Amino acid sequence: TWIEEIEKFDITREYYNPIKNFSFVSPTNEIMISGSFNSACVLDVRRTYQYLASRAASEGSTLLVKSQVIDVQKNPQRHSSILKVNSPGGPLDVEATLVIDASGFTSFVSRRLGYVESWKRYGIGAEYECYCDSVDSQTLCLMVGQIYSEAGYAWVFPLSKNRLRIGVGIGKPNSIVDPLTKLNQIMKSRLPPLDKLGKIQPLEFHYGMIPNEGLRSNSVFDGLIMVGDTVGQANPLVLEGIRYAIEFGRLAGKVGAESLQHNSSRDSLRPYEVANKNLLGRKIKSALKVQSRWLGLSDSEWDKEIEIIKELSIDEFLDFIKSDFTYTKMAKLALNHPKLMVKQLFNLVLNR
């Protein structure tokens, strides 16, 4: 994610590893875009979650650890929902006027209430967190092409001088390949840039899914707000969504608290939906167009594509990879880069 964005949430340096350089590796090409300052970061996700939980506890929230919602039912007479929860202390029934569904990819609560269906297009990621002898802790690397992922990319995300994450993401239904199979092949063959890392010893394994369809058409219903992966708040280019989840989680809390005097009716929750669509709708839709192009590239086309990316300045690259596709910025990029391929890419975003 991005340092400027994450520090707005009071998440400080102790919770992330700063990044200033970005490397792209394709089957026969490699580029580096170097920055003069740290702009991105790799979060220590576990510590960040613990920090956010501590913040919530300090504000008076009650947290149920290792607890799972197994069912939810509406109670129209009381304008509420009943959450059935399995917890370490035994089963619980929790009644709430407003539920903020942050159940992630499964969208469990919203699906059980009948408001949404399961995601049809999504990414699956498999990742090892590893000890390595030699890590460039300031450089993030993305690897593209069939040898790395049939429909997506692989990555090397540094956490420190001797610790990093090596992973593979594959888009569904574009490919039926299991990302873990691909990841193990990359690890065994030590494909670039793994060949430069010295000893690689996996310490943890992570596996997850992220929606890849853009925003759901609605993000609020009577007594319900959807946040994060539940509603599709993710950047389709690099499939990162934690900053959106935090930002819109805060907004959901603010709008939700104000809505309680109106029984959290859909109309009272409308400010959240308006903000969600206005701030993210066009940005995510434009990024999906670029991603759709990327998912269809052959190895030779990827070699050329990263040459397009190489043309960008560090500031232009950051705007692009963050999906900051304002019309003014993208039109300026198209004018500043005369190469036909560059114009084609940016015109795609601008609907030309």
Protein backbone atom coordinates (compact mmCIF):
# COMPACT_ATOMS: atom_id res chain seq x y z
CA THR A 1 0.00 0.00 0.00
CA TRP A 2 1.03 3.67 0.11
CA ILE A 3 2.78 5.49 2.95
CA GLU A 4 0.98 8.81 2.50
CA GLU A 5 -2.39 7.06 2.62
CA ILE A 6 -1.64 4.67 5.49
CA GLU A 7 -0.15 7.35 7.76
CA LYS A 8 -3.43 9.26 7.54
CA PHE A 9 -4.77 6.42 9.69
CA ASP A 10 -1.98 6.91 12.28
CA ILE A 11 -0.27 3.68 11.19
CA THR A 12 3.37 4.55 11.76
CA ARG A 13 6.74 3.26 10.54
CA GLU A 14 6.91 0.44 13.07
CA TYR A 15 4.06 -1.32 11.24
CA TYR A 16 5.49 -1.33 7.71
CA ASN A 17 8.59 -1.67 5.57
CA PRO A 18 9.12 1.38 3.30
CA ILE A 19 9.55 0.97 -0.48
CA LYS A 20 10.98 3.47 -2.96
CA ASN A 21 11.91 1.32 -6.00
CA PHE A 22 9.72 -0.84 -8.24
CA SER A 23 11.01 -3.68 -10.42
CA PHE A 24 9.12 -5.50 -13.18
CA VAL A 25 10.34 -8.82 -14.55
CA SER A 26 8.94 -10.49 -17.68
CA PRO A 27 10.24 -13.59 -19.50
CA THR A 28 12.94 -11.67 -21.42
CA ASN A 29 12.84 -8.17 -19.97
CA GLU A 30 13.41 -6.40 -16.68
CA ILE A 31 12.97 -2.77 -15.70
CA MET A 32 13.48 -0.70 -12.57
CA ILE A 33 11.63 2.49 -11.68
CA SER A 34 13.58 4.22 -8.94
CA GLY A 35 12.28 6.83 -6.55
CA SER A 36 14.11 9.45 -4.53
CA PHE A 37 11.96 8.84 -1.44
CA ASN A 38 9.88 6.07 0.12
CA SER A 39 6.39 6.17 -1.39
CA ALA A 40 4.98 2.66 -0.90
CA CYS A 41 5.15 0.16 1.93
CA VAL A 42 4.60 -3.48 2.78
CA LEU A 43 2.47 -3.76 5.91
CA ASP A 44 3.09 -6.16 8.75
CA VAL A 45 -0.54 -7.22 8.48
CA ARG A 46 -0.80 -9.11 11.77
CA ARG A 47 0.70 -6.27 13.81
CA THR A 48 -1.46 -3.73 11.96
CA TYR A 49 -4.63 -5.66 12.78
CA GLN A 50 -3.56 -5.88 16.42
CA TYR A 51 -2.92 -2.13 16.47
CA LEU A 52 -6.32 -1.36 14.95
CA ALA A 53 -8.00 -3.73 17.41
CA SER A 54 -6.25 -1.97 20.30
CA ARG A 55 -7.43 1.39 18.97
CA ALA A 56 -11.01 0.08 18.86
CA ALA A 57 -10.73 -1.32 22.39
CA SER A 58 -9.40 1.99 23.70
CA GLU A 59 -12.49 3.72 22.29
CA GLY A 60 -14.78 1.37 24.22
CA SER A 61 -15.52 -1.32 21.64
CA THR A 62 -16.26 -4.87 22.75
CA LEU A 63 -14.23 -7.37 20.71
CA LEU A 64 -15.06 -11.08 20.37
CA VAL A 65 -11.86 -12.96 19.50
CA LYS A 66 -11.86 -16.24 17.58
CA SER A 67 -15.58 -15.84 16.99
CA GLN A 68 -17.55 -16.62 13.85
CA VAL A 69 -20.96 -15.48 12.63
CA ILE A 70 -22.73 -18.65 11.50
CA ASP A 71 -26.13 -17.19 10.65
CA VAL A 72 -28.03 -13.92 10.50
CA GLN A 73 -31.76 -13.23 10.46
CA LYS A 74 -33.81 -10.08 10.06
CA ASN A 75 -36.33 -8.99 12.70
CA PRO A 76 -38.54 -6.51 10.78
CA GLN A 77 -40.73 -5.71 13.80
CA ARG A 78 -37.72 -4.45 15.77
CA HIS A 79 -35.84 -3.02 12.76
CA SER A 80 -32.86 -5.19 13.67
CA SER A 81 -30.79 -8.22 12.71
CA ILE A 82 -29.95 -11.21 14.90
CA LEU A 83 -26.40 -12.51 14.46
CA LYS A 84 -25.79 -16.07 15.64
CA VAL A 85 -22.18 -16.30 16.77
CA ASN A 86 -19.90 -19.15 17.80
CA SER A 87 -17.42 -17.81 20.35
CA PRO A 88 -14.90 -19.31 22.82
CA GLY A 89 -17.43 -18.54 25.57
CA GLY A 90 -20.19 -20.44 23.80
CA PRO A 91 -22.92 -19.56 21.27
CA LEU A 92 -24.30 -16.02 21.31
CA ASP A 93 -27.23 -14.17 19.78
CA VAL A 94 -26.30 -10.56 19.03
CA GLU A 95 -29.10 -8.16 18.10
CA ALA A 96 -28.11 -5.05 16.15
CA THR A 97 -29.95 -2.17 14.51
CA LEU A 98 -27.01 -1.80 12.13
CA VAL A 99 -24.57 -4.44 10.90
CA ILE A 100 -21.36 -3.39 9.14
CA ASP A 101 -20.45 -6.38 6.99
CA ALA A 102 -16.65 -6.63 6.79
CA SER A 103 -16.70 -10.41 6.29
CA GLY A 104 -14.39 -10.06 3.30
CA PHE A 105 -14.47 -12.09 0.11
CA THR A 106 -17.24 -14.39 1.35
CA SER A 107 -19.64 -11.47 1.96
CA PHE A 108 -21.23 -13.89 4.42
CA VAL A 109 -23.68 -11.61 6.22
CA SER A 110 -24.87 -9.83 3.07
CA ARG A 111 -25.33 -13.14 1.25
CA ARG A 112 -27.26 -14.71 4.13
CA LEU A 113 -29.58 -11.72 4.13
CA GLY A 114 -30.14 -12.23 0.39
CA TYR A 115 -28.73 -8.88 -0.70
CA VAL A 116 -25.79 -10.12 -2.81
CA GLU A 117 -24.48 -13.22 -4.56
CA SER A 118 -21.02 -14.78 -4.48
CA TRP A 119 -18.32 -13.12 -6.55
CA LYS A 120 -17.90 -14.60 -10.05
CA ARG A 121 -14.56 -13.00 -10.95
CA TYR A 122 -11.80 -12.96 -8.37
CA GLY A 123 -8.12 -13.47 -7.73
CA ILE A 124 -6.62 -16.30 -5.71
CA GLY A 125 -3.24 -15.74 -4.11
CA ALA A 126 -0.73 -18.12 -2.54
CA GLU A 127 2.24 -16.73 -0.66
CA TYR A 128 5.21 -17.84 1.41
CA GLU A 129 6.70 -15.51 3.99
CA CYS A 130 10.39 -16.37 3.98
CA TYR A 131 13.76 -15.82 5.54
CA CYS A 132 16.29 -14.84 2.86
CA ASP A 133 20.02 -14.20 3.03
CA SER A 134 19.98 -11.18 0.74
CA VAL A 135 16.97 -8.87 0.45
CA ASP A 136 16.84 -5.41 -1.11
CA SER A 137 14.41 -4.09 1.47
CA GLN A 138 13.56 -0.94 -0.52
CA THR A 139 12.58 -2.63 -3.80
CA LEU A 140 9.26 -4.28 -4.59
CA CYS A 141 9.18 -6.66 -7.56
CA LEU A 142 6.29 -7.82 -9.77
CA MET A 143 6.83 -10.73 -12.19
CA VAL A 144 4.62 -11.19 -15.25
CA GLY A 145 4.24 -13.69 -18.09
CA GLN A 146 3.07 -17.29 -18.39
CA ILE A 147 6.06 -18.68 -16.51
CA TYR A 148 4.96 -16.70 -13.43
CA SER A 149 1.16 -16.62 -13.77
CA GLU A 150 -1.22 -17.57 -16.57
CA ALA A 151 -3.63 -14.80 -15.58
CA GLY A 152 -2.08 -12.40 -13.11
CA TYR A 153 1.38 -11.87 -11.69
CA ALA A 154 3.86 -13.05 -9.08
CA TRP A 155 5.52 -10.84 -6.50
CA VAL A 156 8.40 -10.34 -4.11
CA PHE A 157 7.47 -7.97 -1.28
CA PRO A 158 10.26 -7.22 1.23
CA LEU A 159 9.46 -6.97 4.94
CA SER A 160 13.01 -6.34 6.17
CA LYS A 161 16.62 -7.04 5.18
CA ASN A 162 16.16 -10.77 5.74
CA ARG A 163 12.43 -11.34 5.38
CA LEU A 164 10.05 -11.12 2.44
CA ARG A 165 6.88 -12.49 0.88
CA ILE A 166 6.99 -14.46 -2.36
CA GLY A 167 3.61 -15.07 -3.94
CA VAL A 168 1.52 -15.79 -7.02
CA GLY A 169 -1.91 -14.42 -7.92
CA ILE A 170 -4.12 -16.00 -10.58
CA GLY A 171 -7.41 -14.61 -11.90
CA LYS A 172 -10.53 -16.77 -11.94
CA PRO A 173 -12.22 -17.84 -14.17
CA ASN A 174 -9.43 -16.78 -16.57
CA SER A 175 -7.23 -19.71 -15.49
CA ILE A 176 -7.83 -23.02 -13.73
CA VAL A 177 -4.25 -23.25 -12.44
CA ASP A 178 -3.79 -23.41 -8.65
CA PRO A 179 -1.51 -20.52 -7.59
CA LEU A 180 0.21 -22.75 -5.03
CA THR A 181 1.30 -25.14 -7.80
CA LYS A 182 2.72 -22.19 -9.73
CA LEU A 183 4.38 -20.74 -6.64
CA ASN A 184 6.10 -24.02 -5.82
CA GLN A 185 7.40 -24.24 -9.40
CA ILE A 186 8.82 -20.72 -9.17
CA MET A 187 10.45 -21.48 -5.82
CA LYS A 188 11.93 -24.76 -7.04
CA SER A 189 13.29 -23.25 -10.27
CA ARG A 190 14.45 -20.06 -8.50
CA LEU A 191 13.19 -17.96 -11.38
CA PRO A 192 14.37 -14.33 -11.44
CA PRO A 193 14.57 -12.46 -9.15
CA LEU A 194 14.67 -15.40 -6.71
CA ASP A 195 18.05 -16.40 -8.13
CA LYS A 196 19.57 -13.36 -6.39
CA LEU A 197 18.12 -13.95 -2.92
CA GLY A 198 20.54 -16.55 -1.56
CA LYS A 199 19.03 -19.00 0.92
CA ILE A 200 15.21 -18.96 0.88
CA GLN A 201 13.48 -20.59 3.85
CA PRO A 202 9.66 -20.41 4.07
CA LEU A 203 8.42 -19.51 7.56
CA GLU A 204 4.69 -19.01 6.99
CA PHE A 205 2.13 -19.76 4.28
CA HIS A 206 -0.80 -17.52 3.33
CA TYR A 207 -3.68 -18.23 0.94
CA GLY A 208 -6.56 -15.94 0.11
CA MET A 209 -9.06 -14.57 -2.39
CA ILE A 210 -9.98 -11.06 -3.45
CA PRO A 211 -12.93 -9.89 -5.60
CA ASN A 212 -12.13 -8.65 -9.07
CA GLU A 213 -15.38 -7.30 -10.53
CA GLY A 214 -15.36 -3.71 -9.36
CA LEU A 215 -17.81 -2.29 -6.85
CA ARG A 216 -21.11 -3.98 -6.15
CA SER A 217 -24.06 -1.96 -7.48
CA ASN A 218 -25.22 -1.20 -3.93
CA SER A 219 -23.27 -0.90 -0.68
CA VAL A 220 -26.09 -0.16 1.79
CA PHE A 221 -29.47 -1.67 2.64
CA ASP A 222 -31.81 -1.24 5.58
CA GLY A 223 -29.67 -1.99 8.64
CA LEU A 224 -26.57 -2.94 6.63
CA ILE A 225 -23.36 -1.34 5.33
CA MET A 226 -20.81 -3.31 3.30
CA VAL A 227 -17.10 -2.52 3.65
CA GLY A 228 -13.86 -3.73 2.05
CA ASP A 229 -13.77 -6.90 -0.04
CA THR A 230 -17.44 -7.48 0.82
CA VAL A 231 -18.38 -4.67 -1.55
CA GLY A 232 -15.37 -4.82 -3.92
CA GLN A 233 -13.26 -1.96 -2.56
CA ALA A 234 -9.98 -3.15 -4.09
CA ASN A 235 -7.48 -1.82 -6.63
CA PRO A 236 -7.74 -4.21 -9.63
CA LEU A 237 -4.19 -3.50 -10.85
CA VAL A 238 -2.32 -4.70 -7.77
CA LEU A 239 -5.27 -6.21 -5.85
CA GLU A 240 -4.66 -4.18 -2.70
CA GLY A 241 -7.58 -3.12 -0.61
CA ILE A 242 -6.57 -2.64 3.01
CA ARG A 243 -6.36 1.16 2.77
CA TYR A 244 -9.86 1.28 1.29
CA ALA A 245 -11.15 -1.06 4.00
CA ILE A 246 -9.75 1.20 6.73
CA GLU A 247 -10.91 4.43 5.09
CA PHE A 248 -14.43 3.21 4.39
CA GLY A 249 -14.60 1.32 7.67
CA ARG A 250 -14.16 4.67 9.41
CA LEU A 251 -16.76 6.27 7.18
CA ALA A 252 -19.17 3.40 7.84
CA GLY A 253 -18.77 3.96 11.58
CA LYS A 254 -19.46 7.69 11.25
CA VAL A 255 -22.44 7.38 8.91
CA GLY A 256 -23.73 4.35 10.82
CA ALA A 257 -23.66 6.12 14.19
CA GLU A 258 -25.59 9.06 12.76
CA SER A 259 -28.13 6.68 11.19
CA LEU A 260 -29.17 4.96 14.42
CA GLN A 261 -31.72 7.65 15.28
CA HIS A 262 -33.42 6.71 11.99
CA ASN A 263 -33.28 2.93 12.67
CA SER A 264 -30.40 2.78 10.16
CA SER A 265 -32.76 2.94 7.21
CA ARG A 266 -31.28 2.73 3.75
CA ASP A 267 -31.95 6.42 3.17
CA SER A 268 -30.07 7.35 6.34
CA LEU A 269 -27.07 5.30 5.15
CA ARG A 270 -27.08 6.88 1.69
CA PRO A 271 -24.11 9.24 2.36
CA TYR A 272 -21.88 6.16 2.59
CA GLU A 273 -23.07 4.82 -0.76
CA VAL A 274 -22.62 8.20 -2.45
CA ALA A 275 -19.05 8.51 -1.13
CA ASN A 276 -18.22 4.94 -2.13
CA LYS A 277 -19.33 5.47 -5.73
CA ASN A 278 -17.93 8.99 -6.10
CA LEU A 279 -14.51 8.23 -4.62
CA LEU A 280 -13.94 4.73 -6.01
CA GLY A 281 -16.38 3.99 -8.82
CA ARG A 282 -14.64 5.54 -11.81
CA LYS A 283 -11.17 4.78 -10.46
CA ILE A 284 -11.87 1.05 -10.13
CA LYS A 285 -13.75 0.87 -13.45
CA SER A 286 -10.78 2.41 -15.31
CA ALA A 287 -8.33 0.10 -13.56
CA LEU A 288 -10.42 -2.92 -14.59
CA LYS A 289 -9.97 -1.93 -18.24
CA VAL A 290 -6.19 -1.95 -17.86
CA GLN A 291 -6.31 -5.19 -15.92
CA SER A 292 -8.47 -6.81 -18.62
CA ARG A 293 -5.81 -5.88 -21.15
CA TRP A 294 -3.07 -7.27 -18.93
CA LEU A 295 -4.82 -10.60 -18.36
CA GLY A 296 -4.83 -11.21 -22.12
CA LEU A 297 -1.17 -10.45 -22.83
CA SER A 298 1.22 -13.05 -24.24
CA ASP A 299 4.83 -13.26 -23.04
CA SER A 300 6.10 -11.17 -25.97
CA GLU A 301 3.36 -8.60 -25.36
CA TRP A 302 4.34 -8.40 -21.69
CA ASP A 303 7.93 -7.71 -22.73
CA LYS A 304 6.62 -4.72 -24.69
CA GLU A 305 4.16 -3.67 -22.00
CA ILE A 306 6.82 -3.15 -19.37
CA GLU A 307 8.70 -1.02 -21.90
CA ILE A 308 5.63 1.23 -21.84
CA ILE A 309 5.80 1.35 -18.06
CA LYS A 310 9.52 2.13 -18.25
CA GLU A 311 8.68 5.39 -20.05
CA LEU A 312 6.92 6.76 -16.97
CA SER A 313 8.47 9.00 -14.37
CA ILE A 314 8.22 7.79 -10.79
CA ASP A 315 5.33 10.19 -10.09
CA GLU A 316 3.48 9.10 -13.24
CA PHE A 317 4.05 5.46 -12.38
CA LEU A 318 2.71 5.91 -8.84
CA ASP A 319 -0.45 7.61 -10.13
CA PHE A 320 -0.90 4.79 -12.62
CA ILE A 321 -0.34 1.84 -10.29
CA LYS A 322 -2.53 3.45 -7.59
CA SER A 323 -5.31 3.71 -10.20
CA ASP A 324 -5.34 7.49 -9.79
CA PHE A 325 -6.91 7.88 -13.22
CA THR A 326 -8.23 11.44 -13.19
CA TYR A 327 -8.97 12.76 -16.67
CA THR A 328 -6.46 15.61 -16.30
CA LYS A 329 -3.62 13.34 -15.21
CA MET A 330 -4.25 10.71 -17.87
CA ALA A 331 -4.67 13.25 -20.69
CA LYS A 332 -1.40 14.87 -19.65
CA LEU A 333 0.33 11.48 -19.66
CA ALA A 334 -0.93 10.72 -23.16
CA LEU A 335 0.39 14.07 -24.41
CA ASN A 336 3.75 13.73 -22.65
CA HIS A 337 4.51 10.30 -24.06
CA PRO A 338 4.47 10.29 -27.87
CA LYS A 339 5.03 6.56 -28.36
CA LEU A 340 1.96 4.97 -29.96
CA MET A 341 1.81 2.11 -27.43
CA VAL A 342 1.79 4.54 -24.53
CA LYS A 343 -1.04 6.52 -26.06
CA GLN A 344 -3.02 3.34 -26.68
CA LEU A 345 -2.76 2.36 -23.02
CA PHE A 346 -3.83 5.75 -21.72
CA ASN A 347 -6.58 6.18 -24.32
CA LEU A 348 -7.98 2.87 -23.05
CA VAL A 349 -8.40 4.44 -19.63
CA LEU A 350 -9.86 7.63 -21.12
CA ASN A 351 -12.45 5.69 -23.18
CA ARG A 352 -11.11 6.95 -26.50
